[in-house]
Amino acid sequence: MKNEKLETPPPGWFALDVMKTGDGRKWDWVALMVDTHPDELKHCLCHCAKLYVHPDDYQPVAGRVAREAFVRVPGKHRNADAAWDAIQSIISPGH
């Protein structure tokens, strides 16, 4: 399993978190996104996203794999809240 790096979020994917890219001094952000609803991650084999599931709840089903990608958040954002709002406005236009 390898995390992809994408410029735009795939349709229907969900954002789990945002984080700074590079050396951390710039205002560039990426979002960790998955193709599975966050409530269902506990049933999927995943690499990074499993860190967002309580260890007692993580029970992956054989053959069920969640795809993950780091997606660039367009624009410059001063903090995580602004980057989160930006990615949410892209994946949920009515948000």
PDB file of N, CA and C in Angstrom:
ATOM      1  N   MET A   1       0.850  -1.180   0.000  1.00  0.00           N
ATOM      2  CA  MET A   1       0.000   0.000   0.000  1.00  0.00           C
ATOM      3  C   MET A   1       0.889   1.235   0.000  1.00  0.00           C
ATOM      4  N   LYS A   2       0.661   2.102  -0.952  1.00  0.00           N
ATOM      5  CA  LYS A   2       1.443   3.330  -1.040  1.00  0.00           C
ATOM      6  C   LYS A   2       0.481   4.496  -1.129  1.00  0.00           C
ATOM      7  N   ASN A   3       0.758   5.547  -0.364  1.00  0.00           N
ATOM      8  CA  ASN A   3      -0.097   6.730  -0.424  1.00  0.00           C
ATOM      9  C   ASN A   3       0.215   7.530  -1.676  1.00  0.00           C
ATOM     10  N   GLU A   4      -0.827   7.881  -2.393  1.00  0.00           N
ATOM     11  CA  GLU A   4      -0.683   8.694  -3.584  1.00  0.00           C
ATOM     12  C   GLU A   4      -0.563  10.160  -3.185  1.00  0.00           C
ATOM     13  N   LYS A   5      -0.014  10.957  -4.083  1.00  0.00           N
ATOM     14  CA  LYS A   5       0.007  12.404  -3.905  1.00  0.00           C
ATOM     15  C   LYS A   5      -0.745  12.986  -5.091  1.00  0.00           C
ATOM     16  N   LEU A   6      -1.845  13.687  -4.808  1.00  0.00           N
ATOM     17  CA  LEU A   6      -2.727  14.187  -5.856  1.00  0.00           C
ATOM     18  C   LEU A   6      -2.869  15.701  -5.781  1.00  0.00           C
ATOM     19  N   GLU A   7      -3.174  16.307  -6.911  1.00  0.00           N
ATOM     20  CA  GLU A   7      -3.402  17.752  -6.967  1.00  0.00           C
ATOM     21  C   GLU A   7      -4.844  18.118  -6.636  1.00  0.00           C
ATOM     22  N   THR A   8      -5.771  17.230  -6.971  1.00  0.00           N
ATOM     23  CA  THR A   8      -7.194  17.504  -6.701  1.00  0.00           C
ATOM     24  C   THR A   8      -7.816  16.286  -6.036  1.00  0.00           C
ATOM     25  N   PRO A   9      -8.800  16.509  -5.171  1.00  0.00           N
ATOM     26  CA  PRO A   9      -9.422  15.372  -4.494  1.00  0.00           C
ATOM     27  C   PRO A   9     -10.301  14.560  -5.437  1.00  0.00           C
ATOM     28  N   PRO A  10     -10.211  13.241  -5.365  1.00  0.00           N
ATOM     29  CA  PRO A  10     -11.100  12.404  -6.165  1.00  0.00           C
ATOM     30  C   PRO A  10     -12.546  12.561  -5.685  1.00  0.00           C
ATOM     31  N   PRO A  11     -13.497  12.482  -6.581  1.00  0.00           N
ATOM     32  CA  PRO A  11     -14.911  12.601  -6.181  1.00  0.00           C
ATOM     33  C   PRO A  11     -15.294  11.516  -5.177  1.00  0.00           C
ATOM     34  N   GLY A  12     -16.040  11.912  -4.162  1.00  0.00           N
ATOM     35  CA  GLY A  12     -16.542  10.967  -3.187  1.00  0.00           C
ATOM     36  C   GLY A  12     -15.586  10.602  -2.070  1.00  0.00           C
ATOM     37  N   TRP A  13     -14.389  11.163  -2.067  1.00  0.00           N
ATOM     38  CA  TRP A  13     -13.432  10.860  -1.006  1.00  0.00           C
ATOM     39  C   TRP A  13     -13.678  11.761   0.196  1.00  0.00           C
ATOM     40  N   PHE A  14     -13.126  11.369   1.345  1.00  0.00           N
ATOM     41  CA  PHE A  14     -13.335  12.068   2.608  1.00  0.00           C
ATOM     42  C   PHE A  14     -12.000  12.565   3.167  1.00  0.00           C
ATOM     43  N   ALA A  15     -12.005  13.778   3.697  1.00  0.00           N
ATOM     44  CA  ALA A  15     -10.808  14.332   4.336  1.00  0.00           C
ATOM     45  C   ALA A  15     -10.766  13.890   5.791  1.00  0.00           C
ATOM     46  N   LEU A  16      -9.595  13.446   6.240  1.00  0.00           N
ATOM     47  CA  LEU A  16      -9.413  13.068   7.635  1.00  0.00           C
ATOM     48  C   LEU A  16      -8.687  14.147   8.425  1.00  0.00           C
ATOM     49  N   ASP A  17      -7.715  14.788   7.784  1.00  0.00           N
ATOM     50  CA  ASP A  17      -6.892  15.763   8.484  1.00  0.00           C
ATOM     51  C   ASP A  17      -6.140  16.605   7.472  1.00  0.00           C
ATOM     52  N   VAL A  18      -5.619  17.730   7.926  1.00  0.00           N
ATOM     53  CA  VAL A  18      -4.744  18.560   7.104  1.00  0.00           C
ATOM     54  C   VAL A  18      -3.427  18.751   7.846  1.00  0.00           C
ATOM     55  N   MET A  19      -2.351  18.897   7.088  1.00  0.00           N
ATOM     56  CA  MET A  19      -1.033  19.106   7.682  1.00  0.00           C
ATOM     57  C   MET A  19      -0.165  19.933   6.751  1.00  0.00           C
ATOM     58  N   LYS A  20       0.796  20.629   7.329  1.00  0.00           N
ATOM     59  CA  LYS A  20       1.704  21.435   6.519  1.00  0.00           C
ATOM     60  C   LYS A  20       2.617  20.536   5.699  1.00  0.00           C
ATOM     61  N   THR A  21       3.028  21.062   4.552  1.00  0.00           N
ATOM     62  CA  THR A  21       3.968  20.328   3.705  1.00  0.00           C
ATOM     63  C   THR A  21       5.344  20.950   3.822  1.00  0.00           C
ATOM     64  N   GLY A  22       6.329  20.244   3.347  1.00  0.00           N
ATOM     65  CA  GLY A  22       7.681  20.789   3.294  1.00  0.00           C
ATOM     66  C   GLY A  22       8.290  21.023   4.660  1.00  0.00           C
ATOM     67  N   ASP A  23       8.970  22.155   4.783  1.00  0.00           N
ATOM     68  CA  ASP A  23       9.721  22.434   6.009  1.00  0.00           C
ATOM     69  C   ASP A  23       8.858  23.022   7.119  1.00  0.00           C
ATOM     70  N   GLY A  24       7.578  23.225   6.864  1.00  0.00           N
ATOM     71  CA  GLY A  24       6.672  23.694   7.898  1.00  0.00           C
ATOM     72  C   GLY A  24       6.625  25.206   8.061  1.00  0.00           C
ATOM     73  N   ARG A  25       7.491  25.939   7.366  1.00  0.00           N
ATOM     74  CA  ARG A  25       7.486  27.392   7.499  1.00  0.00           C
ATOM     75  C   ARG A  25       6.596  28.063   6.461  1.00  0.00           C
ATOM     76  N   LYS A  26       6.226  27.328   5.440  1.00  0.00           N
ATOM     77  CA  LYS A  26       5.380  27.897   4.393  1.00  0.00           C
ATOM     78  C   LYS A  26       3.919  27.700   4.742  1.00  0.00           C
ATOM     79  N   TRP A  27       3.061  28.266   3.944  1.00  0.00           N
ATOM     80  CA  TRP A  27       1.626  28.165   4.181  1.00  0.00           C
ATOM     81  C   TRP A  27       0.982  27.147   3.250  1.00  0.00           C
ATOM     82  N   ASP A  28       1.739  26.147   2.842  1.00  0.00           N
ATOM     83  CA  ASP A  28       1.229  25.110   1.954  1.00  0.00           C
ATOM     84  C   ASP A  28       0.770  23.916   2.787  1.00  0.00           C
ATOM     85  N   TRP A  29      -0.400  23.387   2.417  1.00  0.00           N
ATOM     86  CA  TRP A  29      -1.021  22.312   3.184  1.00  0.00           C
ATOM     87  C   TRP A  29      -1.435  21.168   2.280  1.00  0.00           C
ATOM     88  N   VAL A  30      -1.509  19.950   2.850  1.00  0.00           N
ATOM     89  CA  VAL A  30      -2.089  18.793   2.184  1.00  0.00           C
ATOM     90  C   VAL A  30      -3.151  18.210   3.108  1.00  0.00           C
ATOM     91  N   ALA A  31      -4.095  17.506   2.506  1.00  0.00           N
ATOM     92  CA  ALA A  31      -5.126  16.820   3.267  1.00  0.00           C
ATOM     93  C   ALA A  31      -4.925  15.319   3.107  1.00  0.00           C
ATOM     94  N   LEU A  32      -5.025  14.588   4.203  1.00  0.00           N
ATOM     95  CA  LEU A  32      -5.052  13.132   4.132  1.00  0.00           C
ATOM     96  C   LEU A  32      -6.493  12.753   3.824  1.00  0.00           C
ATOM     97  N   MET A  33      -6.687  12.087   2.683  1.00  0.00           N
ATOM     98  CA  MET A  33      -8.033  11.733   2.239  1.00  0.00           C
ATOM     99  C   MET A  33      -8.131  10.227   2.016  1.00  0.00           C
ATOM    100  N   VAL A  34      -9.340   9.710   2.213  1.00  0.00           N
ATOM    101  CA  VAL A  34      -9.602   8.278   2.034  1.00  0.00           C
ATOM    102  C   VAL A  34     -10.856   8.085   1.189  1.00  0.00           C
ATOM    103  N   ASP A  35     -10.950   6.917   0.558  1.00  0.00           N
ATOM    104  CA  ASP A  35     -12.114   6.623  -0.286  1.00  0.00           C
ATOM    105  C   ASP A  35     -13.223   5.920   0.481  1.00  0.00           C
ATOM    106  N   THR A  36     -13.056   5.777   1.782  1.00  0.00           N
ATOM    107  CA  THR A  36     -14.014   5.094   2.645  1.00  0.00           C
ATOM    108  C   THR A  36     -14.529   6.076   3.690  1.00  0.00           C
ATOM    109  N   HIS A  37     -15.807   5.990   4.015  1.00  0.00           N
ATOM    110  CA  HIS A  37     -16.346   6.873   5.043  1.00  0.00           C
ATOM    111  C   HIS A  37     -15.541   6.670   6.332  1.00  0.00           C
ATOM    112  N   PRO A  38     -15.183   7.760   7.027  1.00  0.00           N
ATOM    113  CA  PRO A  38     -14.362   7.640   8.240  1.00  0.00           C
ATOM    114  C   PRO A  38     -14.917   6.671   9.289  1.00  0.00           C
ATOM    115  N   ASP A  39     -16.224   6.538   9.380  1.00  0.00           N
ATOM    116  CA  ASP A  39     -16.801   5.604  10.350  1.00  0.00           C
ATOM    117  C   ASP A  39     -16.536   4.149   9.984  1.00  0.00           C
ATOM    118  N   GLU A  40     -16.213   3.887   8.721  1.00  0.00           N
ATOM    119  CA  GLU A  40     -15.974   2.519   8.256  1.00  0.00           C
ATOM    120  C   GLU A  40     -14.498   2.144   8.224  1.00  0.00           C
ATOM    121  N   LEU A  41     -13.606   3.079   8.554  1.00  0.00           N
ATOM    122  CA  LEU A  41     -12.171   2.794   8.500  1.00  0.00           C
ATOM    123  C   LEU A  41     -11.762   1.669   9.443  1.00  0.00           C
ATOM    124  N   LYS A  42     -12.497   1.512  10.516  1.00  0.00           N
ATOM    125  CA  LYS A  42     -12.150   0.461  11.483  1.00  0.00           C
ATOM    126  C   LYS A  42     -12.269  -0.931  10.875  1.00  0.00           C
ATOM    127  N   HIS A  43     -12.967  -1.050   9.744  1.00  0.00           N
ATOM    128  CA  HIS A  43     -13.141  -2.338   9.082  1.00  0.00           C
ATOM    129  C   HIS A  43     -12.230  -2.511   7.869  1.00  0.00           C
ATOM    130  N   CYS A  44     -11.345  -1.522   7.620  1.00  0.00           N
ATOM    131  CA  CYS A  44     -10.510  -1.541   6.419  1.00  0.00           C
ATOM    132  C   CYS A  44      -9.028  -1.587   6.765  1.00  0.00           C
ATOM    133  N   LEU A  45      -8.288  -2.276   5.933  1.00  0.00           N
ATOM    134  CA  LEU A  45      -6.842  -2.249   6.038  1.00  0.00           C
ATOM    135  C   LEU A  45      -6.373  -0.926   5.445  1.00  0.00           C
ATOM    136  N   CYS A  46      -5.588  -0.180   6.197  1.00  0.00           N
ATOM    137  CA  CYS A  46      -5.096   1.107   5.710  1.00  0.00           C
ATOM    138  C   CYS A  46      -3.762   1.414   6.368  1.00  0.00           C
ATOM    139  N   HIS A  47      -3.029   2.344   5.798  1.00  0.00           N
ATOM    140  CA  HIS A  47      -1.683   2.645   6.256  1.00  0.00           C
ATOM    141  C   HIS A  47      -1.700   3.781   7.288  1.00  0.00           C
ATOM    142  N   CYS A  48      -1.977   4.987   6.858  1.00  0.00           N
ATOM    143  CA  CYS A  48      -1.995   6.156   7.754  1.00  0.00           C
ATOM    144  C   CYS A  48      -3.339   6.343   8.439  1.00  0.00           C
ATOM    145  N   ALA A  49      -4.409   6.083   7.730  1.00  0.00           N
ATOM    146  CA  ALA A  49      -5.747   6.370   8.239  1.00  0.00           C
ATOM    147  C   ALA A  49      -6.086   5.572   9.495  1.00  0.00           C
ATOM    148  N   LYS A  50      -5.440   4.422   9.678  1.00  0.00           N
ATOM    149  CA  LYS A  50      -5.746   3.641  10.879  1.00  0.00           C
ATOM    150  C   LYS A  50      -5.332   4.377  12.147  1.00  0.00           C
ATOM    151  N   LEU A  51      -4.493   5.381  12.017  1.00  0.00           N
ATOM    152  CA  LEU A  51      -4.106   6.188  13.175  1.00  0.00           C
ATOM    153  C   LEU A  51      -5.267   7.045  13.676  1.00  0.00           C
ATOM    154  N   TYR A  52      -6.319   7.147  12.888  1.00  0.00           N
ATOM    155  CA  TYR A  52      -7.505   7.931  13.259  1.00  0.00           C
ATOM    156  C   TYR A  52      -8.620   7.045  13.810  1.00  0.00           C
ATOM    157  N   VAL A  53      -8.298   5.779  14.058  1.00  0.00           N
ATOM    158  CA  VAL A  53      -9.251   4.816  14.613  1.00  0.00           C
ATOM    159  C   VAL A  53      -8.702   4.358  15.967  1.00  0.00           C
ATOM    160  N   HIS A  54      -9.571   4.266  16.962  1.00  0.00           N
ATOM    161  CA  HIS A  54      -9.139   3.776  18.273  1.00  0.00           C
ATOM    162  C   HIS A  54      -8.615   2.349  18.112  1.00  0.00           C
ATOM    163  N   PRO A  55      -7.468   2.033  18.726  1.00  0.00           N
ATOM    164  CA  PRO A  55      -6.883   0.690  18.556  1.00  0.00           C
ATOM    165  C   PRO A  55      -7.822  -0.449  18.933  1.00  0.00           C
ATOM    166  N   ASP A  56      -8.670  -0.244  19.926  1.00  0.00           N
ATOM    167  CA  ASP A  56      -9.609  -1.303  20.320  1.00  0.00           C
ATOM    168  C   ASP A  56     -10.683  -1.544  19.266  1.00  0.00           C
ATOM    169  N   ASP A  57     -10.957  -0.525  18.443  1.00  0.00           N
ATOM    170  CA  ASP A  57     -12.007  -0.629  17.419  1.00  0.00           C
ATOM    171  C   ASP A  57     -11.483  -1.107  16.071  1.00  0.00           C
ATOM    172  N   TYR A  58     -10.163  -1.073  15.868  1.00  0.00           N
ATOM    173  CA  TYR A  58      -9.592  -1.404  14.561  1.00  0.00           C
ATOM    174  C   TYR A  58      -9.627  -2.908  14.344  1.00  0.00           C
ATOM    175  N   GLN A  59     -10.565  -3.358  13.519  1.00  0.00           N
ATOM    176  CA  GLN A  59     -10.769  -4.776  13.202  1.00  0.00           C
ATOM    177  C   GLN A  59     -10.914  -4.917  11.681  1.00  0.00           C
ATOM    178  N   PRO A  60      -9.820  -4.816  10.924  1.00  0.00           N
ATOM    179  CA  PRO A  60      -9.949  -4.876   9.466  1.00  0.00           C
ATOM    180  C   PRO A  60     -10.472  -6.229   8.978  1.00  0.00           C
ATOM    181  N   VAL A  61     -11.327  -6.152   7.986  1.00  0.00           N
ATOM    182  CA  VAL A  61     -11.892  -7.343   7.353  1.00  0.00           C
ATOM    183  C   VAL A  61     -10.955  -7.736   6.214  1.00  0.00           C
ATOM    184  N   ALA A  62     -10.657  -9.008   6.105  1.00  0.00           N
ATOM    185  CA  ALA A  62      -9.750  -9.498   5.062  1.00  0.00           C
ATOM    186  C   ALA A  62     -10.222  -9.048   3.685  1.00  0.00           C
ATOM    187  N   GLY A  63      -9.319  -8.463   2.926  1.00  0.00           N
ATOM    188  CA  GLY A  63      -9.631  -8.036   1.570  1.00  0.00           C
ATOM    189  C   GLY A  63     -10.250  -6.657   1.447  1.00  0.00           C
ATOM    190  N   ARG A  64     -10.605  -6.038   2.555  1.00  0.00           N
ATOM    191  CA  ARG A  64     -11.205  -4.698   2.505  1.00  0.00           C
ATOM    192  C   ARG A  64     -10.111  -3.661   2.759  1.00  0.00           C
ATOM    193  N   VAL A  65      -9.782  -2.909   1.726  1.00  0.00           N
ATOM    194  CA  VAL A  65      -8.676  -1.960   1.781  1.00  0.00           C
ATOM    195  C   VAL A  65      -9.193  -0.551   1.491  1.00  0.00           C
ATOM    196  N   ALA A  66      -8.804   0.384   2.312  1.00  0.00           N
ATOM    197  CA  ALA A  66      -9.144   1.792   2.073  1.00  0.00           C
ATOM    198  C   ALA A  66      -7.992   2.442   1.318  1.00  0.00           C
ATOM    199  N   ARG A  67      -8.312   3.091   0.220  1.00  0.00           N
ATOM    200  CA  ARG A  67      -7.283   3.839  -0.516  1.00  0.00           C
ATOM    201  C   ARG A  67      -7.071   5.175   0.179  1.00  0.00           C
ATOM    202  N   GLU A  68      -5.831   5.621   0.225  1.00  0.00           N
ATOM    203  CA  GLU A  68      -5.463   6.877   0.875  1.00  0.00           C
ATOM    204  C   GLU A  68      -4.660   7.731  -0.094  1.00  0.00           C
ATOM    205  N   ALA A  69      -4.756   9.033   0.086  1.00  0.00           N
ATOM    206  CA  ALA A  69      -3.962   9.949  -0.731  1.00  0.00           C
ATOM    207  C   ALA A  69      -3.737  11.237   0.036  1.00  0.00           C
ATOM    208  N   PHE A  70      -2.599  11.842  -0.220  1.00  0.00           N
ATOM    209  CA  PHE A  70      -2.351  13.192   0.262  1.00  0.00           C
ATOM    210  C   PHE A  70      -2.700  14.128  -0.885  1.00  0.00           C
ATOM    211  N   VAL A  71      -3.645  15.035  -0.629  1.00  0.00           N
ATOM    212  CA  VAL A  71      -4.150  15.933  -1.665  1.00  0.00           C
ATOM    213  C   VAL A  71      -3.752  17.360  -1.313  1.00  0.00           C
ATOM    214  N   ARG A  72      -3.178  18.041  -2.279  1.00  0.00           N
ATOM    215  CA  ARG A  72      -2.773  19.424  -2.056  1.00  0.00           C
ATOM    216  C   ARG A  72      -4.000  20.290  -1.817  1.00  0.00           C
ATOM    217  N   VAL A  73      -3.928  21.123  -0.772  1.00  0.00           N
ATOM    218  CA  VAL A  73      -4.998  22.083  -0.495  1.00  0.00           C
ATOM    219  C   VAL A  73      -4.629  23.360  -1.232  1.00  0.00           C
ATOM    220  N   PRO A  74      -5.442  23.779  -2.206  1.00  0.00           N
ATOM    221  CA  PRO A  74      -5.075  24.965  -2.988  1.00  0.00           C
ATOM    222  C   PRO A  74      -5.095  26.230  -2.136  1.00  0.00           C
ATOM    223  N   GLY A  75      -4.206  27.162  -2.478  1.00  0.00           N
ATOM    224  CA  GLY A  75      -4.129  28.435  -1.774  1.00  0.00           C
ATOM    225  C   GLY A  75      -3.128  28.394  -0.638  1.00  0.00           C
ATOM    226  N   LYS A  76      -2.986  29.523   0.012  1.00  0.00           N
ATOM    227  CA  LYS A  76      -2.091  29.671   1.162  1.00  0.00           C
ATOM    228  C   LYS A  76      -2.958  29.858   2.402  1.00  0.00           C
ATOM    229  N   HIS A  77      -2.671  29.107   3.444  1.00  0.00           N
ATOM    230  CA  HIS A  77      -3.498  29.142   4.647  1.00  0.00           C
ATOM    231  C   HIS A  77      -2.607  29.290   5.869  1.00  0.00           C
ATOM    232  N   ARG A  78      -2.982  30.192   6.755  1.00  0.00           N
ATOM    233  CA  ARG A  78      -2.175  30.483   7.941  1.00  0.00           C
ATOM    234  C   ARG A  78      -2.263  29.407   9.011  1.00  0.00           C
ATOM    235  N   ASN A  79      -3.370  28.653   9.037  1.00  0.00           N
ATOM    236  CA  ASN A  79      -3.505  27.647  10.090  1.00  0.00           C
ATOM    237  C   ASN A  79      -4.315  26.446   9.580  1.00  0.00           C
ATOM    238  N   ALA A  80      -4.360  25.430  10.424  1.00  0.00           N
ATOM    239  CA  ALA A  80      -5.032  24.184  10.037  1.00  0.00           C
ATOM    240  C   ALA A  80      -6.528  24.387   9.839  1.00  0.00           C
ATOM    241  N   ASP A  81      -7.144  25.241  10.634  1.00  0.00           N
ATOM    242  CA  ASP A  81      -8.581  25.480  10.477  1.00  0.00           C
ATOM    243  C   ASP A  81      -8.901  26.067   9.109  1.00  0.00           C
ATOM    244  N   ALA A  82      -8.090  27.013   8.653  1.00  0.00           N
ATOM    245  CA  ALA A  82      -8.310  27.624   7.339  1.00  0.00           C
ATOM    246  C   ALA A  82      -8.088  26.598   6.225  1.00  0.00           C
ATOM    247  N   ALA A  83      -7.062  25.750   6.364  1.00  0.00           N
ATOM    248  CA  ALA A  83      -6.805  24.712   5.360  1.00  0.00           C
ATOM    249  C   ALA A  83      -7.942  23.687   5.356  1.00  0.00           C
ATOM    250  N   TRP A  84      -8.436  23.333   6.542  1.00  0.00           N
ATOM    251  CA  TRP A  84      -9.550  22.382   6.646  1.00  0.00           C
ATOM    252  C   TRP A  84     -10.790  22.953   5.968  1.00  0.00           C
ATOM    253  N   ASP A  85     -11.102  24.210   6.231  1.00  0.00           N
ATOM    254  CA  ASP A  85     -12.263  24.840   5.606  1.00  0.00           C
ATOM    255  C   ASP A  85     -12.117  24.854   4.083  1.00  0.00           C
ATOM    256  N   ALA A  86     -10.893  25.081   3.605  1.00  0.00           N
ATOM    257  CA  ALA A  86     -10.656  25.127   2.162  1.00  0.00           C
ATOM    258  C   ALA A  86     -10.906  23.764   1.517  1.00  0.00           C
ATOM    259  N   ILE A  87     -10.387  22.699   2.114  1.00  0.00           N
ATOM    260  CA  ILE A  87     -10.587  21.378   1.505  1.00  0.00           C
ATOM    261  C   ILE A  87     -12.044  20.954   1.621  1.00  0.00           C
ATOM    262  N   GLN A  88     -12.708  21.301   2.724  1.00  0.00           N
ATOM    263  CA  GLN A  88     -14.124  20.971   2.875  1.00  0.00           C
ATOM    264  C   GLN A  88     -14.979  21.694   1.836  1.00  0.00           C
ATOM    265  N   SER A  89     -14.627  22.935   1.513  1.00  0.00           N
ATOM    266  CA  SER A  89     -15.405  23.669   0.512  1.00  0.00           C
ATOM    267  C   SER A  89     -15.242  23.071  -0.878  1.00  0.00           C
ATOM    268  N   ILE A  90     -14.123  22.393  -1.102  1.00  0.00           N
ATOM    269  CA  ILE A  90     -13.891  21.743  -2.398  1.00  0.00           C
ATOM    270  C   ILE A  90     -14.673  20.433  -2.491  1.00  0.00           C
ATOM    271  N   ILE A  91     -14.621  19.619  -1.436  1.00  0.00           N
ATOM    272  CA  ILE A  91     -15.262  18.307  -1.506  1.00  0.00           C
ATOM    273  C   ILE A  91     -16.742  18.352  -1.166  1.00  0.00           C
ATOM    274  N   SER A  92     -17.187  19.418  -0.498  1.00  0.00           N
ATOM    275  CA  SER A  92     -18.607  19.597  -0.170  1.00  0.00           C
ATOM    276  C   SER A  92     -19.016  21.004  -0.552  1.00  0.00           C
ATOM    277  N   PRO A  93     -19.332  21.245  -1.823  1.00  0.00           N
ATOM    278  CA  PRO A  93     -19.624  22.602  -2.283  1.00  0.00           C
ATOM    279  C   PRO A  93     -20.694  23.324  -1.470  1.00  0.00           C
ATOM    280  N   GLY A  94     -21.622  22.610  -0.872  1.00  0.00           N
ATOM    281  CA  GLY A  94     -22.667  23.253  -0.069  1.00  0.00           C
ATOM    282  C   GLY A  94     -22.268  23.491   1.367  1.00  0.00           C
ATOM    283  N   HIS A  95     -21.027  23.149   1.730  1.00  0.00           N
ATOM    284  CA  HIS A  95     -20.539  23.201   3.099  1.00  0.00           C
ATOM    285  C   HIS A  95     -20.471  24.615   3.626  1.00  0.00           C
TER     286      HIS A  95
END
